[in-house]
Amino acid sequence: MEITYNSQNFPPRFGADFQGAKQLQFTVQELMWSAITVGRANFIDVLSNGIYSEYEILYRASILVANIAQNGTTLVKSSAYEHLDPSEKSAVSYFLGLTFTKLLSAKLLNIPWLLHIDVYRDQFSRNGQAFGFGSSRSRPDLIGLDNRRRWTIMESKGRTNTMEATLLASAKNQTRNLRRIGADYPSLRVAVVTHFTNGQLTVDWSDPEGYNDDYFDIKTDSEEYLANYYKVIFNILSSNDNATKEFGGFVTYTFDAINLTIGLDRKIFDAYKTQSLKEIQPTRIFDFEQFSSIAEQEFFAGSDGVVVGLGSNWRELIRTNKKFNE
């Protein structure tokens, strides 16, 4: 499957893939990996208990397959999506925005780790600060860490229909309200809008420069950040210790009822136990044949070390989903 993405304001050094309208190809496994791994606060903190973390995985997977359909190689609105009420559409479009922001970040910007900024809300409360940025109190959505350990700030927006003309500019300004992460300035500040043009899913993104004079900083480091990022996956695997299996250096757990597997690189799993994540590096894609003993599933392992396996039922759900106006 594929989507159209439109790039604006990326410097020429980024290359041809970041100039104008292009097509991004990906598998349903990559898309599900993106949906599962884009971390947000209630996913990590409130649902830290193993069983509730599992429910969140299933919830995210269900939102994805219920609300998009495949039209040839492109993605469009499903009939179920179009029949939601406005508040439900808003929530789903926001989730789709986060998912496709993670997908583009990983495939095009070499950013394997992406975490919602709300994870750091408690830090502001402890310091007696309002969790807002600039005079508008608007903050960007996401903090990313690339494969060279450089920070990225991203604002992700989702729209049910075509995006408003001023929306990308507004999102760009939100990325400027966070100045520094830890001791470092971010290498990128990217605004992303996921929307449906003539019913077809499209992504527009832009790389603005600079930060606003009225700004906030976040105090963190890569080790704390990665501990937050891996918390839920680790909790699921550790709470189902008797049911996990190890394949090709990955600790895995399968949701048998729905034919979905998640897993984590053994080195990262062990490093999380001792909270020694400082030296964790992006992983290489493994040989899919290592997972042949998990019947009838195809796998994708992100460079964050998280693996997702899906049975053919997931691909068929999206392929055969009823399209809007069908």
C-alpha atoms as a PDB file:
ATOM      1  CA  MET A   1       0.000   0.000   0.000  1.00  0.00           C
ATOM      2  CA  GLU A   2       1.040   3.626  -0.376  1.00  0.00           C
ATOM      3  CA  ILE A   3       0.170   7.220   0.448  1.00  0.00           C
ATOM      4  CA  THR A   4       0.979  10.585  -1.102  1.00  0.00           C
ATOM      5  CA  TYR A   5       3.050  12.923   1.060  1.00  0.00           C
ATOM      6  CA  ASN A   6       3.795  16.559   0.247  1.00  0.00           C
ATOM      7  CA  SER A   7       7.025  18.114   1.563  1.00  0.00           C
ATOM      8  CA  GLN A   8       7.561  21.831   2.155  1.00  0.00           C
ATOM      9  CA  ASN A   9      10.569  23.850   3.321  1.00  0.00           C
ATOM     10  CA  PHE A  10      12.961  20.932   3.693  1.00  0.00           C
ATOM     11  CA  PRO A  11      16.493  22.030   2.762  1.00  0.00           C
ATOM     12  CA  PRO A  12      17.950  20.668  -0.506  1.00  0.00           C
ATOM     13  CA  ARG A  13      20.409  18.533   1.495  1.00  0.00           C
ATOM     14  CA  PHE A  14      17.495  16.217   2.375  1.00  0.00           C
ATOM     15  CA  GLY A  15      17.312  15.128  -1.259  1.00  0.00           C
ATOM     16  CA  ALA A  16      14.600  14.574  -3.830  1.00  0.00           C
ATOM     17  CA  ASP A  17      12.352  12.581  -1.476  1.00  0.00           C
ATOM     18  CA  PHE A  18      11.667  15.820   0.434  1.00  0.00           C
ATOM     19  CA  GLN A  19      10.746  18.043  -2.495  1.00  0.00           C
ATOM     20  CA  GLY A  20       7.082  18.282  -3.532  1.00  0.00           C
ATOM     21  CA  ALA A  21       4.624  15.393  -3.821  1.00  0.00           C
ATOM     22  CA  LYS A  22       5.975  11.828  -3.504  1.00  0.00           C
ATOM     23  CA  GLN A  23       4.645   8.333  -2.852  1.00  0.00           C
ATOM     24  CA  LEU A  24       5.537   6.346   0.264  1.00  0.00           C
ATOM     25  CA  GLN A  25       5.160   2.591   0.110  1.00  0.00           C
ATOM     26  CA  PHE A  26       4.770   0.418   3.214  1.00  0.00           C
ATOM     27  CA  THR A  27       3.287  -2.834   4.467  1.00  0.00           C
ATOM     28  CA  VAL A  28       0.386  -3.363   6.844  1.00  0.00           C
ATOM     29  CA  GLN A  29       2.946  -4.675   9.363  1.00  0.00           C
ATOM     30  CA  GLU A  30       4.852  -1.378   9.220  1.00  0.00           C
ATOM     31  CA  LEU A  31       1.616   0.546   9.637  1.00  0.00           C
ATOM     32  CA  MET A  32       0.607  -1.511  12.687  1.00  0.00           C
ATOM     33  CA  TRP A  33       4.096  -1.087  14.174  1.00  0.00           C
ATOM     34  CA  SER A  34       3.675   2.672  13.805  1.00  0.00           C
ATOM     35  CA  ALA A  35       0.267   2.616  15.514  1.00  0.00           C
ATOM     36  CA  ILE A  36       1.492   0.478  18.411  1.00  0.00           C
ATOM     37  CA  THR A  37       4.789   2.229  19.113  1.00  0.00           C
ATOM     38  CA  VAL A  38       3.932   5.938  18.974  1.00  0.00           C
ATOM     39  CA  GLY A  39       3.917   6.543  22.724  1.00  0.00           C
ATOM     40  CA  ARG A  40       1.553   8.830  24.607  1.00  0.00           C
ATOM     41  CA  ALA A  41       1.127   9.564  28.302  1.00  0.00           C
ATOM     42  CA  ASN A  42      -1.962   7.545  29.203  1.00  0.00           C
ATOM     43  CA  PHE A  43      -0.622   4.617  27.191  1.00  0.00           C
ATOM     44  CA  ILE A  44       2.567   4.605  29.238  1.00  0.00           C
ATOM     45  CA  ASP A  45       1.574   5.761  32.727  1.00  0.00           C
ATOM     46  CA  VAL A  46      -2.077   4.983  33.365  1.00  0.00           C
ATOM     47  CA  LEU A  47      -1.993   1.650  31.551  1.00  0.00           C
ATOM     48  CA  SER A  48       1.293   0.435  32.982  1.00  0.00           C
ATOM     49  CA  ASN A  49      -0.319  -2.771  34.295  1.00  0.00           C
ATOM     50  CA  GLY A  50       0.235  -5.599  31.842  1.00  0.00           C
ATOM     51  CA  ILE A  51      -3.373  -6.539  31.061  1.00  0.00           C
ATOM     52  CA  TYR A  52      -4.441  -2.934  30.472  1.00  0.00           C
ATOM     53  CA  SER A  53      -1.451  -2.397  28.235  1.00  0.00           C
ATOM     54  CA  GLU A  54      -2.677  -5.356  26.203  1.00  0.00           C
ATOM     55  CA  TYR A  55      -6.099  -3.767  25.888  1.00  0.00           C
ATOM     56  CA  GLU A  56      -4.460  -0.599  24.583  1.00  0.00           C
ATOM     57  CA  ILE A  57      -2.599  -2.582  21.906  1.00  0.00           C
ATOM     58  CA  LEU A  58      -5.857  -4.191  20.794  1.00  0.00           C
ATOM     59  CA  TYR A  59      -7.655  -0.843  20.899  1.00  0.00           C
ATOM     60  CA  ARG A  60      -5.088   0.801  18.648  1.00  0.00           C
ATOM     61  CA  ALA A  61      -5.100  -2.089  16.203  1.00  0.00           C
ATOM     62  CA  SER A  62      -8.908  -2.005  16.053  1.00  0.00           C
ATOM     63  CA  ILE A  63      -9.052   1.759  15.404  1.00  0.00           C
ATOM     64  CA  LEU A  64      -6.650   1.342  12.516  1.00  0.00           C
ATOM     65  CA  VAL A  65      -8.430  -1.444  10.679  1.00  0.00           C
ATOM     66  CA  ALA A  66     -11.945  -0.130  11.350  1.00  0.00           C
ATOM     67  CA  ASN A  67     -11.427   3.329   9.911  1.00  0.00           C
ATOM     68  CA  ILE A  68      -9.327   2.969   6.780  1.00  0.00           C
ATOM     69  CA  ALA A  69      -9.855   0.944   3.636  1.00  0.00           C
ATOM     70  CA  GLN A  70      -7.699   0.155   0.639  1.00  0.00           C
ATOM     71  CA  ASN A  71      -8.576   1.471  -2.817  1.00  0.00           C
ATOM     72  CA  GLY A  72      -6.065  -0.127  -5.152  1.00  0.00           C
ATOM     73  CA  THR A  73      -2.754   0.688  -3.471  1.00  0.00           C
ATOM     74  CA  THR A  74      -3.970   3.849  -1.707  1.00  0.00           C
ATOM     75  CA  LEU A  75      -5.812   4.303   1.590  1.00  0.00           C
ATOM     76  CA  VAL A  76      -9.237   5.925   1.863  1.00  0.00           C
ATOM     77  CA  LYS A  77     -11.908   6.472   4.507  1.00  0.00           C
ATOM     78  CA  SER A  78     -13.894   3.436   5.482  1.00  0.00           C
ATOM     79  CA  SER A  79     -17.669   3.544   5.677  1.00  0.00           C
ATOM     80  CA  ALA A  80     -17.424   3.068   9.454  1.00  0.00           C
ATOM     81  CA  TYR A  81     -15.207   6.147   9.766  1.00  0.00           C
ATOM     82  CA  GLU A  82     -17.579   8.357   7.816  1.00  0.00           C
ATOM     83  CA  HIS A  83     -20.516   7.332   9.995  1.00  0.00           C
ATOM     84  CA  LEU A  84     -18.846   8.419  13.242  1.00  0.00           C
ATOM     85  CA  ASP A  85     -20.102  11.540  14.966  1.00  0.00           C
ATOM     86  CA  PRO A  86     -17.883  14.663  14.771  1.00  0.00           C
ATOM     87  CA  SER A  87     -16.159  14.144  18.137  1.00  0.00           C
ATOM     88  CA  GLU A  88     -15.386  10.512  17.280  1.00  0.00           C
ATOM     89  CA  LYS A  89     -14.020  11.525  13.886  1.00  0.00           C
ATOM     90  CA  SER A  90     -11.780  14.072  15.596  1.00  0.00           C
ATOM     91  CA  ALA A  91     -10.326  11.430  17.934  1.00  0.00           C
ATOM     92  CA  VAL A  92      -9.765   8.924  15.126  1.00  0.00           C
ATOM     93  CA  SER A  93      -8.206  11.490  12.783  1.00  0.00           C
ATOM     94  CA  TYR A  94      -5.827  12.558  15.573  1.00  0.00           C
ATOM     95  CA  PHE A  95      -4.773   8.932  16.132  1.00  0.00           C
ATOM     96  CA  LEU A  96      -4.259   8.421  12.399  1.00  0.00           C
ATOM     97  CA  GLY A  97      -2.155  11.573  12.407  1.00  0.00           C
ATOM     98  CA  LEU A  98       0.104  10.190  15.141  1.00  0.00           C
ATOM     99  CA  THR A  99       0.389   6.854  13.340  1.00  0.00           C
ATOM    100  CA  PHE A 100       1.413   8.313   9.989  1.00  0.00           C
ATOM    101  CA  THR A 101       3.742  10.806  11.653  1.00  0.00           C
ATOM    102  CA  LYS A 102       5.551   7.823  13.182  1.00  0.00           C
ATOM    103  CA  LEU A 103       5.590   5.985   9.854  1.00  0.00           C
ATOM    104  CA  LEU A 104       7.086   8.889   7.890  1.00  0.00           C
ATOM    105  CA  SER A 105       9.533   9.739  10.673  1.00  0.00           C
ATOM    106  CA  ALA A 106      10.924   6.217  10.748  1.00  0.00           C
ATOM    107  CA  LYS A 107      11.051   5.565   7.014  1.00  0.00           C
ATOM    108  CA  LEU A 108      12.234   8.969   5.812  1.00  0.00           C
ATOM    109  CA  LEU A 109      13.969  10.717   8.723  1.00  0.00           C
ATOM    110  CA  ASN A 110      15.604   7.751  10.493  1.00  0.00           C
ATOM    111  CA  ILE A 111      13.705   8.509  13.712  1.00  0.00           C
ATOM    112  CA  PRO A 112      12.916   5.128  15.303  1.00  0.00           C
ATOM    113  CA  TRP A 113      11.718   6.595  18.621  1.00  0.00           C
ATOM    114  CA  LEU A 114       8.749   8.950  18.951  1.00  0.00           C
ATOM    115  CA  LEU A 115       7.096   9.829  22.256  1.00  0.00           C
ATOM    116  CA  HIS A 116       4.214  12.137  23.159  1.00  0.00           C
ATOM    117  CA  ILE A 117       5.266  15.242  25.057  1.00  0.00           C
ATOM    118  CA  ASP A 118       2.523  14.672  27.662  1.00  0.00           C
ATOM    119  CA  VAL A 119       4.796  12.034  29.182  1.00  0.00           C
ATOM    120  CA  TYR A 120       6.665  14.983  30.720  1.00  0.00           C
ATOM    121  CA  ARG A 121       3.584  16.699  32.183  1.00  0.00           C
ATOM    122  CA  ASP A 122       4.434  15.538  35.737  1.00  0.00           C
ATOM    123  CA  GLN A 123       7.861  17.136  35.481  1.00  0.00           C
ATOM    124  CA  PHE A 124       6.233  20.534  35.085  1.00  0.00           C
ATOM    125  CA  SER A 125       3.805  19.884  37.953  1.00  0.00           C
ATOM    126  CA  ARG A 126       6.670  19.011  40.293  1.00  0.00           C
ATOM    127  CA  ASN A 127       8.358  22.284  39.382  1.00  0.00           C
ATOM    128  CA  GLY A 128       5.171  24.278  39.905  1.00  0.00           C
ATOM    129  CA  GLN A 129       4.976  25.207  36.207  1.00  0.00           C
ATOM    130  CA  ALA A 130       2.011  25.282  33.885  1.00  0.00           C
ATOM    131  CA  PHE A 131       2.333  22.670  31.180  1.00  0.00           C
ATOM    132  CA  GLY A 132       2.059  25.149  28.333  1.00  0.00           C
ATOM    133  CA  PHE A 133       4.328  26.783  25.820  1.00  0.00           C
ATOM    134  CA  GLY A 134       4.485  30.422  24.882  1.00  0.00           C
ATOM    135  CA  SER A 135       1.774  33.006  25.268  1.00  0.00           C
ATOM    136  CA  SER A 136      -0.731  30.761  23.483  1.00  0.00           C
ATOM    137  CA  ARG A 137       0.043  27.839  25.819  1.00  0.00           C
ATOM    138  CA  SER A 138       0.132  25.614  22.745  1.00  0.00           C
ATOM    139  CA  ARG A 139       2.714  22.865  22.702  1.00  0.00           C
ATOM    140  CA  PRO A 140       3.954  20.411  20.079  1.00  0.00           C
ATOM    141  CA  ASP A 141       2.786  16.803  20.276  1.00  0.00           C
ATOM    142  CA  LEU A 142       5.888  14.669  19.949  1.00  0.00           C
ATOM    143  CA  ILE A 143       9.558  14.390  20.804  1.00  0.00           C
ATOM    144  CA  GLY A 144      11.640  12.158  18.560  1.00  0.00           C
ATOM    145  CA  LEU A 145      15.106  10.688  18.885  1.00  0.00           C
ATOM    146  CA  ASP A 146      16.884   9.767  15.669  1.00  0.00           C
ATOM    147  CA  ASN A 147      19.432   7.039  15.025  1.00  0.00           C
ATOM    148  CA  ARG A 148      22.269   9.493  15.795  1.00  0.00           C
ATOM    149  CA  ARG A 149      20.676  10.425  19.151  1.00  0.00           C
ATOM    150  CA  ARG A 150      19.586  13.864  17.956  1.00  0.00           C
ATOM    151  CA  TRP A 151      16.301  15.318  19.156  1.00  0.00           C
ATOM    152  CA  THR A 152      13.369  16.210  16.901  1.00  0.00           C
ATOM    153  CA  ILE A 153      10.203  18.125  17.762  1.00  0.00           C
ATOM    154  CA  MET A 154       7.050  17.240  15.841  1.00  0.00           C
ATOM    155  CA  GLU A 155       3.504  18.574  15.801  1.00  0.00           C
ATOM    156  CA  SER A 156       0.961  16.121  14.411  1.00  0.00           C
ATOM    157  CA  LYS A 157      -2.542  17.077  13.295  1.00  0.00           C
ATOM    158  CA  GLY A 158      -5.279  14.993  11.715  1.00  0.00           C
ATOM    159  CA  ARG A 159      -8.262  16.106   9.673  1.00  0.00           C
ATOM    160  CA  THR A 160     -11.327  14.249   8.434  1.00  0.00           C
ATOM    161  CA  ASN A 161     -11.344  16.190   5.172  1.00  0.00           C
ATOM    162  CA  THR A 162      -8.949  18.506   3.322  1.00  0.00           C
ATOM    163  CA  MET A 163      -6.768  20.534   5.674  1.00  0.00           C
ATOM    164  CA  GLU A 164      -7.360  24.245   6.145  1.00  0.00           C
ATOM    165  CA  ALA A 165      -4.949  26.564   4.331  1.00  0.00           C
ATOM    166  CA  THR A 166      -3.499  27.926   7.586  1.00  0.00           C
ATOM    167  CA  LEU A 167      -3.233  24.618   9.463  1.00  0.00           C
ATOM    168  CA  LEU A 168       0.323  23.689   8.512  1.00  0.00           C
ATOM    169  CA  ALA A 169       1.564  27.173   9.433  1.00  0.00           C
ATOM    170  CA  SER A 170      -0.175  26.876  12.820  1.00  0.00           C
ATOM    171  CA  ALA A 171       1.404  23.476  13.426  1.00  0.00           C
ATOM    172  CA  LYS A 172       4.822  24.838  12.451  1.00  0.00           C
ATOM    173  CA  ASN A 173       4.491  27.576  15.044  1.00  0.00           C
ATOM    174  CA  GLN A 174       3.699  25.035  17.771  1.00  0.00           C
ATOM    175  CA  THR A 175       7.006  23.277  17.132  1.00  0.00           C
ATOM    176  CA  ARG A 176       8.817  26.548  17.857  1.00  0.00           C
ATOM    177  CA  ASN A 177       7.384  26.834  21.379  1.00  0.00           C
ATOM    178  CA  LEU A 178       9.745  24.161  22.737  1.00  0.00           C
ATOM    179  CA  ARG A 179      13.303  25.451  22.661  1.00  0.00           C
ATOM    180  CA  ARG A 180      15.561  22.791  24.113  1.00  0.00           C
ATOM    181  CA  ILE A 181      15.371  19.137  25.199  1.00  0.00           C
ATOM    182  CA  GLY A 182      17.847  18.330  27.922  1.00  0.00           C
ATOM    183  CA  ALA A 183      21.022  20.216  27.053  1.00  0.00           C
ATOM    184  CA  ASP A 184      20.461  20.156  23.306  1.00  0.00           C
ATOM    185  CA  TYR A 185      18.589  22.067  20.655  1.00  0.00           C
ATOM    186  CA  PRO A 186      16.565  19.817  18.311  1.00  0.00           C
ATOM    187  CA  SER A 187      17.981  19.093  14.881  1.00  0.00           C
ATOM    188  CA  LEU A 188      14.506  19.303  13.294  1.00  0.00           C
ATOM    189  CA  ARG A 189      11.131  20.879  14.037  1.00  0.00           C
ATOM    190  CA  VAL A 190       8.607  19.201  11.780  1.00  0.00           C
ATOM    191  CA  ALA A 191       4.894  19.964  11.355  1.00  0.00           C
ATOM    192  CA  VAL A 192       2.755  17.100  10.000  1.00  0.00           C
ATOM    193  CA  VAL A 193      -0.886  17.148   8.870  1.00  0.00           C
ATOM    194  CA  THR A 194      -2.646  13.885   7.947  1.00  0.00           C
ATOM    195  CA  HIS A 195      -5.881  14.490   6.059  1.00  0.00           C
ATOM    196  CA  PHE A 196      -8.230  13.110   3.433  1.00  0.00           C
ATOM    197  CA  THR A 197      -8.264  14.872   0.051  1.00  0.00           C
ATOM    198  CA  ASN A 198     -11.202  13.627  -2.040  1.00  0.00           C
ATOM    199  CA  GLY A 199     -11.434  10.789   0.462  1.00  0.00           C
ATOM    200  CA  GLN A 200      -7.816   9.689  -0.066  1.00  0.00           C
ATOM    201  CA  LEU A 201      -5.393   9.733   2.858  1.00  0.00           C
ATOM    202  CA  THR A 202      -2.609  12.276   2.311  1.00  0.00           C
ATOM    203  CA  VAL A 203       0.165  13.705   4.491  1.00  0.00           C
ATOM    204  CA  ASP A 204       1.605  17.230   4.287  1.00  0.00           C
ATOM    205  CA  TRP A 205       4.688  18.098   6.299  1.00  0.00           C
ATOM    206  CA  SER A 206       7.083  20.997   6.670  1.00  0.00           C
ATOM    207  CA  ASP A 207      10.394  21.681   8.384  1.00  0.00           C
ATOM    208  CA  PRO A 208      10.324  25.148  10.000  1.00  0.00           C
ATOM    209  CA  GLU A 209      13.376  26.815  11.500  1.00  0.00           C
ATOM    210  CA  GLY A 210      14.033  28.604  14.784  1.00  0.00           C
ATOM    211  CA  TYR A 211      12.167  28.843  18.077  1.00  0.00           C
ATOM    212  CA  ASN A 212       9.894  31.475  19.574  1.00  0.00           C
ATOM    213  CA  ASP A 213      11.177  34.027  22.092  1.00  0.00           C
ATOM    214  CA  ASP A 214       8.543  32.913  24.616  1.00  0.00           C
ATOM    215  CA  TYR A 215       9.589  29.275  24.950  1.00  0.00           C
ATOM    216  CA  PHE A 216       9.851  26.299  27.297  1.00  0.00           C
ATOM    217  CA  ASP A 217      12.568  23.707  27.818  1.00  0.00           C
ATOM    218  CA  ILE A 218      12.181  20.063  28.851  1.00  0.00           C
ATOM    219  CA  LYS A 219      14.721  18.491  31.169  1.00  0.00           C
ATOM    220  CA  THR A 220      15.395  14.916  30.159  1.00  0.00           C
ATOM    221  CA  ASP A 221      18.058  12.692  28.639  1.00  0.00           C
ATOM    222  CA  SER A 222      18.053   9.808  26.190  1.00  0.00           C
ATOM    223  CA  GLU A 223      18.051   7.140  28.906  1.00  0.00           C
ATOM    224  CA  GLU A 224      14.953   8.512  30.658  1.00  0.00           C
ATOM    225  CA  TYR A 225      13.297   9.015  27.291  1.00  0.00           C
ATOM    226  CA  LEU A 226      13.939   5.428  26.156  1.00  0.00           C
ATOM    227  CA  ALA A 227      12.775   4.022  29.502  1.00  0.00           C
ATOM    228  CA  ASN A 228       9.428   5.741  28.870  1.00  0.00           C
ATOM    229  CA  TYR A 229       9.340   4.589  25.262  1.00  0.00           C
ATOM    230  CA  TYR A 230       9.796   0.885  25.996  1.00  0.00           C
ATOM    231  CA  LYS A 231       7.756   0.718  29.207  1.00  0.00           C
ATOM    232  CA  VAL A 232       4.497  -0.664  27.820  1.00  0.00           C
ATOM    233  CA  ILE A 233       6.029  -3.276  25.507  1.00  0.00           C
ATOM    234  CA  PHE A 234       8.266  -4.457  28.339  1.00  0.00           C
ATOM    235  CA  ASN A 235       5.297  -4.650  30.735  1.00  0.00           C
ATOM    236  CA  ILE A 236       3.302  -6.807  28.336  1.00  0.00           C
ATOM    237  CA  LEU A 237       6.186  -9.203  27.772  1.00  0.00           C
ATOM    238  CA  SER A 238       7.218  -9.432  31.422  1.00  0.00           C
ATOM    239  CA  SER A 239       3.656  -9.889  32.709  1.00  0.00           C
ATOM    240  CA  ASN A 240       3.140 -12.759  30.238  1.00  0.00           C
ATOM    241  CA  ASP A 241       6.496 -14.345  30.960  1.00  0.00           C
ATOM    242  CA  ASN A 242       5.129 -17.905  30.890  1.00  0.00           C
ATOM    243  CA  ALA A 243       3.599 -17.368  27.446  1.00  0.00           C
ATOM    244  CA  THR A 244       6.482 -15.574  25.723  1.00  0.00           C
ATOM    245  CA  LYS A 245       8.679 -17.202  23.100  1.00  0.00           C
ATOM    246  CA  GLU A 246      12.098 -16.233  21.861  1.00  0.00           C
ATOM    247  CA  PHE A 247      12.926 -16.192  18.157  1.00  0.00           C
ATOM    248  CA  GLY A 248      15.987 -14.821  16.440  1.00  0.00           C
ATOM    249  CA  GLY A 249      17.006 -12.709  19.427  1.00  0.00           C
ATOM    250  CA  PHE A 250      13.498 -11.281  20.057  1.00  0.00           C
ATOM    251  CA  VAL A 251      11.244 -11.923  23.070  1.00  0.00           C
ATOM    252  CA  THR A 252       7.719 -12.258  21.647  1.00  0.00           C
ATOM    253  CA  TYR A 253       4.136 -12.634  22.837  1.00  0.00           C
ATOM    254  CA  THR A 254       1.225 -13.620  20.575  1.00  0.00           C
ATOM    255  CA  PHE A 255      -2.387 -12.556  20.996  1.00  0.00           C
ATOM    256  CA  ASP A 256      -3.674 -15.891  19.736  1.00  0.00           C
ATOM    257  CA  ALA A 257      -7.322 -14.852  19.433  1.00  0.00           C
ATOM    258  CA  ILE A 258      -6.525 -12.149  16.877  1.00  0.00           C
ATOM    259  CA  ASN A 259      -3.337 -13.518  15.286  1.00  0.00           C
ATOM    260  CA  LEU A 260      -1.097 -10.592  16.318  1.00  0.00           C
ATOM    261  CA  THR A 261       2.409 -10.824  17.787  1.00  0.00           C
ATOM    262  CA  ILE A 262       4.522  -8.155  19.466  1.00  0.00           C
ATOM    263  CA  GLY A 263       8.099  -8.492  20.622  1.00  0.00           C
ATOM    264  CA  LEU A 264      11.271  -6.741  21.675  1.00  0.00           C
ATOM    265  CA  ASP A 265      14.932  -7.263  20.920  1.00  0.00           C
ATOM    266  CA  ARG A 266      16.403  -9.376  23.741  1.00  0.00           C
ATOM    267  CA  LYS A 267      19.278  -6.919  24.299  1.00  0.00           C
ATOM    268  CA  ILE A 268      16.823  -4.064  24.819  1.00  0.00           C
ATOM    269  CA  PHE A 269      14.571  -6.226  27.008  1.00  0.00           C
ATOM    270  CA  ASP A 270      17.511  -7.049  29.278  1.00  0.00           C
ATOM    271  CA  ALA A 271      18.757  -3.443  29.272  1.00  0.00           C
ATOM    272  CA  TYR A 272      15.322  -2.241  30.369  1.00  0.00           C
ATOM    273  CA  LYS A 273      15.421  -4.582  33.363  1.00  0.00           C
ATOM    274  CA  THR A 274      18.529  -2.857  34.663  1.00  0.00           C
ATOM    275  CA  GLN A 275      17.555   0.597  33.330  1.00  0.00           C
ATOM    276  CA  SER A 276      20.787   0.716  31.360  1.00  0.00           C
ATOM    277  CA  LEU A 277      19.415   2.010  28.072  1.00  0.00           C
ATOM    278  CA  LYS A 278      22.032   4.676  27.452  1.00  0.00           C
ATOM    279  CA  GLU A 279      23.993   2.523  25.014  1.00  0.00           C
ATOM    280  CA  ILE A 280      21.007   1.109  23.111  1.00  0.00           C
ATOM    281  CA  GLN A 281      21.458   1.609  19.378  1.00  0.00           C
ATOM    282  CA  PRO A 282      19.015   1.243  16.471  1.00  0.00           C
ATOM    283  CA  THR A 283      18.790  -2.378  15.378  1.00  0.00           C
ATOM    284  CA  ARG A 284      19.110  -3.886  11.949  1.00  0.00           C
ATOM    285  CA  ILE A 285      16.203  -5.532  10.165  1.00  0.00           C
ATOM    286  CA  PHE A 286      16.314  -9.264  10.803  1.00  0.00           C
ATOM    287  CA  ASP A 287      15.749 -12.232   8.491  1.00  0.00           C
ATOM    288  CA  PHE A 288      12.000 -12.883   8.497  1.00  0.00           C
ATOM    289  CA  GLU A 289      12.637 -16.621   8.224  1.00  0.00           C
ATOM    290  CA  GLN A 290      13.716 -16.541  11.868  1.00  0.00           C
ATOM    291  CA  PHE A 291      10.027 -16.227  12.707  1.00  0.00           C
ATOM    292  CA  SER A 292       8.716 -18.981  10.452  1.00  0.00           C
ATOM    293  CA  SER A 293       7.694 -21.058  13.471  1.00  0.00           C
ATOM    294  CA  ILE A 294       4.928 -18.556  14.270  1.00  0.00           C
ATOM    295  CA  ALA A 295       2.385 -19.935  11.850  1.00  0.00           C
ATOM    296  CA  GLU A 296       0.819 -17.799   9.147  1.00  0.00           C
ATOM    297  CA  GLN A 297       2.200 -14.445  10.272  1.00  0.00           C
ATOM    298  CA  GLU A 298       4.364 -11.901   8.486  1.00  0.00           C
ATOM    299  CA  PHE A 299       6.667  -9.640  10.489  1.00  0.00           C
ATOM    300  CA  PHE A 300       8.183  -6.205  10.588  1.00  0.00           C
ATOM    301  CA  ALA A 301      10.879  -5.161  13.052  1.00  0.00           C
ATOM    302  CA  GLY A 302      11.501  -1.461  13.410  1.00  0.00           C
ATOM    303  CA  SER A 303      14.951  -0.118  14.097  1.00  0.00           C
ATOM    304  CA  ASP A 304      13.660   0.596  17.628  1.00  0.00           C
ATOM    305  CA  GLY A 305      13.861  -3.165  18.204  1.00  0.00           C
ATOM    306  CA  VAL A 306      10.085  -3.650  18.430  1.00  0.00           C
ATOM    307  CA  VAL A 307       8.677  -6.413  16.235  1.00  0.00           C
ATOM    308  CA  VAL A 308       5.067  -6.788  15.057  1.00  0.00           C
ATOM    309  CA  GLY A 309       3.674  -9.891  13.391  1.00  0.00           C
ATOM    310  CA  LEU A 310       0.273 -10.085  11.715  1.00  0.00           C
ATOM    311  CA  GLY A 311      -1.743 -12.880  10.239  1.00  0.00           C
ATOM    312  CA  SER A 312      -3.207 -12.457   6.768  1.00  0.00           C
ATOM    313  CA  ASN A 313      -6.555 -11.610   8.393  1.00  0.00           C
ATOM    314  CA  TRP A 314      -5.299  -8.094   9.199  1.00  0.00           C
ATOM    315  CA  ARG A 315      -4.250  -7.327   5.635  1.00  0.00           C
ATOM    316  CA  GLU A 316      -7.566  -8.689   4.366  1.00  0.00           C
ATOM    317  CA  LEU A 317      -9.556  -6.569   6.834  1.00  0.00           C
ATOM    318  CA  ILE A 318      -8.096  -3.375   5.362  1.00  0.00           C
ATOM    319  CA  ARG A 319      -8.207  -4.638   1.773  1.00  0.00           C
ATOM    320  CA  THR A 320     -11.869  -5.682   1.970  1.00  0.00           C
ATOM    321  CA  ASN A 321     -13.089  -2.974   4.352  1.00  0.00           C
ATOM    322  CA  LYS A 322     -16.180  -1.214   3.023  1.00  0.00           C
ATOM    323  CA  LYS A 323     -15.195   2.116   1.508  1.00  0.00           C
ATOM    324  CA  PHE A 324     -17.124   5.321   2.067  1.00  0.00           C
ATOM    325  CA  ASN A 325     -19.854   5.722  -0.581  1.00  0.00           C
ATOM    326  CA  GLU A 326     -19.317   2.138  -1.707  1.00  0.00           C
END
